[in-house]
Amino acid sequence: MMGLTKDIFSFLSALSENNNKEWFSDNKKDYEKAKSIVNEFFKTIYSEIENKDYLGAIKIYRIYNDLRFAKDKPPYKTHFGLYFPRKQPKYRGGYYLCISPKETFVGGGFFNPEPKDLLRIRQEIAAEGEEMLQIMESVPIKKYFGGILWGEEVKTAPKGFKKEDPMIDFLRKKQFLLKRDFSTEEVFQENFFEEIVQSFLAMRPFFDFMTRALTTDVNGISLYE
């Protein structure tokens, strides 16, 4: 499989300095070439994960910004983005990849759970804290994500939970996200594709834990059978 080329970053860097329609039109061929390579790369990643997980549809983000509600935005994004969710309703979580000279990373998780989902996640973490800790301290999560769960937090214990709870650091979360950054040098190494795939696969136990929470009631009874 063809990997990413440095021309892709050269185009994105130039675009960030010339984010206007005239420049973009004059350099449309460079964009189309970069887009073709990146899209093939994205589709191959999706196919690889699809063989090992239950996935929804692939989404490759357009480079054009939506200017309908924010006229002060530049017309173009300066990154390429990929997202695909797990197949709902029985499988939860989603995979994201951002390719950019400024920031390349893989990420996944639960960005803004609805209040009822957030409560159910917290209930599961409180009830099954040992399992949650085992997941976050597992070799793959530590290797690819540093054992860190990202996300905004409440300042104290959320309503209905005690600040003395041994899982309080997780219970305070309002978002539950895994993220791994890549340097520019790592993007162009031969193993970059495999590192993305392995990072995504490392998320599976975390996603499965959250899936159980979001597809069962507080008694563990399935909501979808």
Protein backbone atom coordinates (compact mmCIF):
# COMPACT_ATOMS: atom_id res chain seq x y z
CA MET A 1 0.00 0.00 0.00
CA MET A 2 1.25 3.46 -0.87
CA GLY A 3 1.99 5.51 2.23
CA LEU A 4 1.57 9.22 2.74
CA THR A 5 3.96 11.55 0.93
CA LYS A 6 5.66 14.74 2.06
CA ASP A 7 3.91 16.57 -0.79
CA ILE A 8 0.70 16.23 1.20
CA PHE A 9 2.14 18.19 4.10
CA SER A 10 3.70 20.70 1.70
CA PHE A 11 0.28 21.37 0.23
CA LEU A 12 -1.41 21.70 3.63
CA SER A 13 1.33 24.02 4.91
CA ALA A 14 1.01 26.23 1.86
CA LEU A 15 -2.77 26.22 2.21
CA SER A 16 -2.54 27.38 5.82
CA GLU A 17 -0.60 30.43 4.60
CA ASN A 18 -2.85 31.07 1.58
CA ASN A 19 -6.31 30.10 2.77
CA ASN A 20 -8.35 31.76 0.03
CA LYS A 21 -10.30 30.67 -3.01
CA GLU A 22 -7.95 32.17 -5.57
CA TRP A 23 -4.90 30.32 -4.28
CA PHE A 24 -6.86 27.09 -3.85
CA SER A 25 -8.13 27.27 -7.44
CA ASP A 26 -4.62 27.88 -8.75
CA ASN A 27 -3.36 24.83 -6.82
CA LYS A 28 -6.35 22.54 -7.32
CA LYS A 29 -4.24 19.85 -9.01
CA ASP A 30 -1.99 19.59 -5.94
CA TYR A 31 -5.08 19.28 -3.76
CA GLU A 32 -6.60 16.55 -5.92
CA LYS A 33 -3.34 14.58 -5.85
CA ALA A 34 -3.05 14.88 -2.06
CA LYS A 35 -6.71 14.02 -1.59
CA SER A 36 -6.42 10.90 -3.76
CA ILE A 37 -3.48 9.53 -1.78
CA VAL A 38 -5.00 10.35 1.61
CA ASN A 39 -8.41 8.92 0.72
CA GLU A 40 -6.85 5.64 -0.40
CA PHE A 41 -4.88 5.55 2.84
CA PHE A 42 -8.06 6.21 4.86
CA LYS A 43 -10.08 3.56 3.04
CA THR A 44 -7.37 0.96 3.61
CA ILE A 45 -7.36 1.73 7.33
CA TYR A 46 -11.13 1.37 7.42
CA SER A 47 -10.97 -1.98 5.62
CA GLU A 48 -8.35 -3.25 8.05
CA ILE A 49 -10.42 -2.33 11.13
CA GLU A 50 -13.61 -3.56 9.48
CA ASN A 51 -12.09 -7.04 9.45
CA LYS A 52 -11.72 -6.91 13.23
CA ASP A 53 -14.67 -4.85 14.49
CA TYR A 54 -18.31 -4.02 13.77
CA LEU A 55 -18.29 -0.71 11.95
CA GLY A 56 -20.72 1.85 10.63
CA ALA A 57 -20.11 3.86 7.47
CA ILE A 58 -16.81 5.55 6.76
CA LYS A 59 -16.74 9.37 6.78
CA ILE A 60 -13.92 11.24 5.07
CA TYR A 61 -14.28 14.91 5.90
CA ARG A 62 -14.44 17.48 3.10
CA ILE A 63 -11.70 20.10 3.04
CA TYR A 64 -14.28 22.87 2.66
CA ASN A 65 -15.33 24.63 5.85
CA ASP A 66 -19.02 25.23 6.47
CA LEU A 67 -19.31 29.02 6.30
CA ARG A 68 -23.09 29.27 6.72
CA PHE A 69 -22.95 30.15 10.42
CA ALA A 70 -19.39 31.45 10.78
CA LYS A 71 -18.43 33.90 8.06
CA ASP A 72 -15.11 34.65 9.74
CA LYS A 73 -13.86 31.08 9.20
CA PRO A 74 -11.26 30.46 6.48
CA PRO A 75 -12.80 28.68 3.48
CA TYR A 76 -10.66 25.54 3.81
CA LYS A 77 -9.55 23.15 6.51
CA THR A 78 -5.80 22.65 6.78
CA HIS A 79 -5.98 18.96 7.67
CA PHE A 80 -7.43 15.72 6.32
CA GLY A 81 -9.81 13.90 8.64
CA LEU A 82 -11.26 10.38 8.87
CA TYR A 83 -14.00 9.11 11.17
CA PHE A 84 -15.93 5.88 11.42
CA PRO A 85 -18.20 4.75 14.26
CA ARG A 86 -18.85 1.29 15.52
CA LYS A 87 -22.14 -0.17 14.34
CA GLN A 88 -24.93 1.11 16.56
CA PRO A 89 -26.95 0.45 18.56
CA LYS A 90 -25.18 -2.67 19.84
CA TYR A 91 -21.61 -1.39 19.46
CA ARG A 92 -20.50 2.01 20.72
CA GLY A 93 -17.48 4.23 20.20
CA GLY A 94 -15.83 5.76 17.17
CA TYR A 95 -12.40 6.06 15.55
CA TYR A 96 -10.86 9.33 14.35
CA LEU A 97 -7.66 10.17 12.47
CA CYS A 98 -6.34 13.67 11.75
CA ILE A 99 -3.52 14.24 9.27
CA SER A 100 -1.85 17.66 9.43
CA PRO A 101 1.63 19.22 9.54
CA LYS A 102 0.61 20.93 12.78
CA GLU A 103 -1.06 17.97 14.48
CA THR A 104 -1.42 14.34 13.45
CA PHE A 105 -3.20 12.05 15.87
CA VAL A 106 -5.55 9.13 16.32
CA GLY A 107 -8.40 9.45 18.76
CA GLY A 108 -11.55 7.75 19.86
CA GLY A 109 -14.17 7.61 22.54
CA PHE A 110 -17.17 9.54 23.73
CA PHE A 111 -16.99 13.28 23.16
CA ASN A 112 -20.23 14.65 24.62
CA PRO A 113 -22.47 11.89 26.01
CA GLU A 114 -26.08 12.84 26.60
CA PRO A 115 -26.95 13.28 30.30
CA LYS A 116 -28.59 9.86 30.60
CA ASP A 117 -25.66 8.17 28.85
CA LEU A 118 -23.15 10.05 30.99
CA LEU A 119 -24.94 8.89 34.13
CA ARG A 120 -24.99 5.29 32.92
CA ILE A 121 -21.27 5.40 32.08
CA ARG A 122 -20.50 6.70 35.55
CA GLN A 123 -22.67 4.02 37.14
CA GLU A 124 -20.77 1.33 35.28
CA ILE A 125 -17.39 2.80 36.21
CA ALA A 126 -18.40 2.98 39.87
CA ALA A 127 -19.75 -0.58 39.85
CA GLU A 128 -16.96 -2.15 37.79
CA GLY A 129 -14.00 -0.02 38.81
CA GLU A 130 -11.51 -2.88 38.88
CA GLU A 131 -12.29 -3.81 35.28
CA MET A 132 -11.99 -0.18 34.18
CA LEU A 133 -8.61 0.11 35.89
CA GLN A 134 -7.41 -3.11 34.28
CA ILE A 135 -8.31 -1.70 30.86
CA MET A 136 -6.60 1.64 31.44
CA GLU A 137 -3.51 -0.06 32.89
CA SER A 138 -3.31 -2.70 30.19
CA VAL A 139 -0.17 -2.95 28.06
CA PRO A 140 -1.81 -1.74 24.79
CA ILE A 141 -3.49 1.29 26.40
CA LYS A 142 -0.26 2.28 28.15
CA LYS A 143 1.83 1.67 25.03
CA TYR A 144 -0.31 3.62 22.59
CA PHE A 145 -2.12 6.13 24.82
CA GLY A 146 0.07 6.46 27.89
CA GLY A 147 -2.75 5.10 30.05
CA ILE A 148 -4.39 8.53 29.93
CA LEU A 149 -8.10 9.18 29.52
CA TRP A 150 -8.69 12.69 28.20
CA GLY A 151 -11.76 14.89 28.55
CA GLU A 152 -13.36 17.78 30.38
CA GLU A 153 -14.21 17.21 34.03
CA VAL A 154 -16.43 18.52 36.78
CA LYS A 155 -14.55 20.14 39.65
CA THR A 156 -15.97 17.94 42.38
CA ALA A 157 -17.83 14.65 42.56
CA PRO A 158 -20.79 14.53 40.16
CA LYS A 159 -24.27 14.42 41.67
CA GLY A 160 -25.06 10.99 43.13
CA PHE A 161 -21.42 9.96 43.56
CA LYS A 162 -19.07 10.33 46.53
CA LYS A 163 -15.79 12.22 46.31
CA GLU A 164 -14.20 9.36 48.29
CA ASP A 165 -15.03 6.86 45.53
CA PRO A 166 -11.77 5.18 44.43
CA MET A 167 -12.82 5.78 40.82
CA ILE A 168 -13.44 9.51 41.33
CA ASP A 169 -10.81 10.55 38.77
CA PHE A 170 -12.82 8.76 36.09
CA LEU A 171 -16.23 9.65 37.51
CA ARG A 172 -15.48 13.36 37.24
CA LYS A 173 -15.07 13.04 33.49
CA LYS A 174 -17.68 14.54 31.17
CA GLN A 175 -15.84 13.22 28.12
CA PHE A 176 -14.01 9.91 27.75
CA LEU A 177 -11.32 10.12 25.08
CA LEU A 178 -8.18 8.27 24.04
CA LYS A 179 -5.61 10.19 21.95
CA ARG A 180 -2.22 9.42 20.50
CA ASP A 181 -0.10 12.07 18.80
CA PHE A 182 2.39 11.43 15.99
CA SER A 183 5.37 13.58 15.06
CA THR A 184 5.91 14.57 11.44
CA GLU A 185 8.82 12.15 11.29
CA GLU A 186 6.60 9.27 12.45
CA VAL A 187 3.99 10.02 9.77
CA PHE A 188 6.46 9.23 7.01
CA GLN A 189 7.91 6.09 8.53
CA GLU A 190 7.07 2.75 6.93
CA ASN A 191 5.23 1.51 10.02
CA PHE A 192 2.86 4.51 10.29
CA PHE A 193 -0.09 2.58 8.84
CA GLU A 194 0.45 -0.34 11.22
CA GLU A 195 0.82 2.01 14.19
CA ILE A 196 -2.57 3.56 13.41
CA VAL A 197 -4.21 0.16 13.07
CA GLN A 198 -2.71 -1.12 16.32
CA SER A 199 -3.71 2.08 18.12
CA PHE A 200 -7.30 1.67 16.97
CA LEU A 201 -7.38 -2.00 17.93
CA ALA A 202 -6.04 -1.13 21.39
CA MET A 203 -9.23 0.89 21.97
CA ARG A 204 -11.49 -2.14 21.67
CA PRO A 205 -11.59 -3.24 25.36
CA PHE A 206 -12.36 0.36 26.37
CA PHE A 207 -15.11 0.59 23.76
CA ASP A 208 -16.54 -2.76 24.84
CA PHE A 209 -16.69 -1.61 28.45
CA MET A 210 -18.53 1.55 27.44
CA THR A 211 -20.77 -0.41 25.10
CA ARG A 212 -21.90 -2.62 27.97
CA ALA A 213 -22.77 0.48 29.98
CA LEU A 214 -24.70 2.10 27.14
CA THR A 215 -26.61 -0.98 26.03
CA THR A 216 -27.76 -2.23 29.44
CA ASP A 217 -29.72 -0.80 32.33
CA VAL A 218 -28.28 -0.35 35.82
CA ASN A 219 -29.10 -4.01 36.56
CA GLY A 220 -27.13 -5.20 33.55
CA ILE A 221 -30.22 -6.11 31.52
CA SER A 222 -29.79 -5.59 27.78
CA LEU A 223 -31.79 -2.77 26.22
CA TYR A 224 -31.66 -4.34 22.76
CA GLU A 225 -32.85 -7.92 23.10
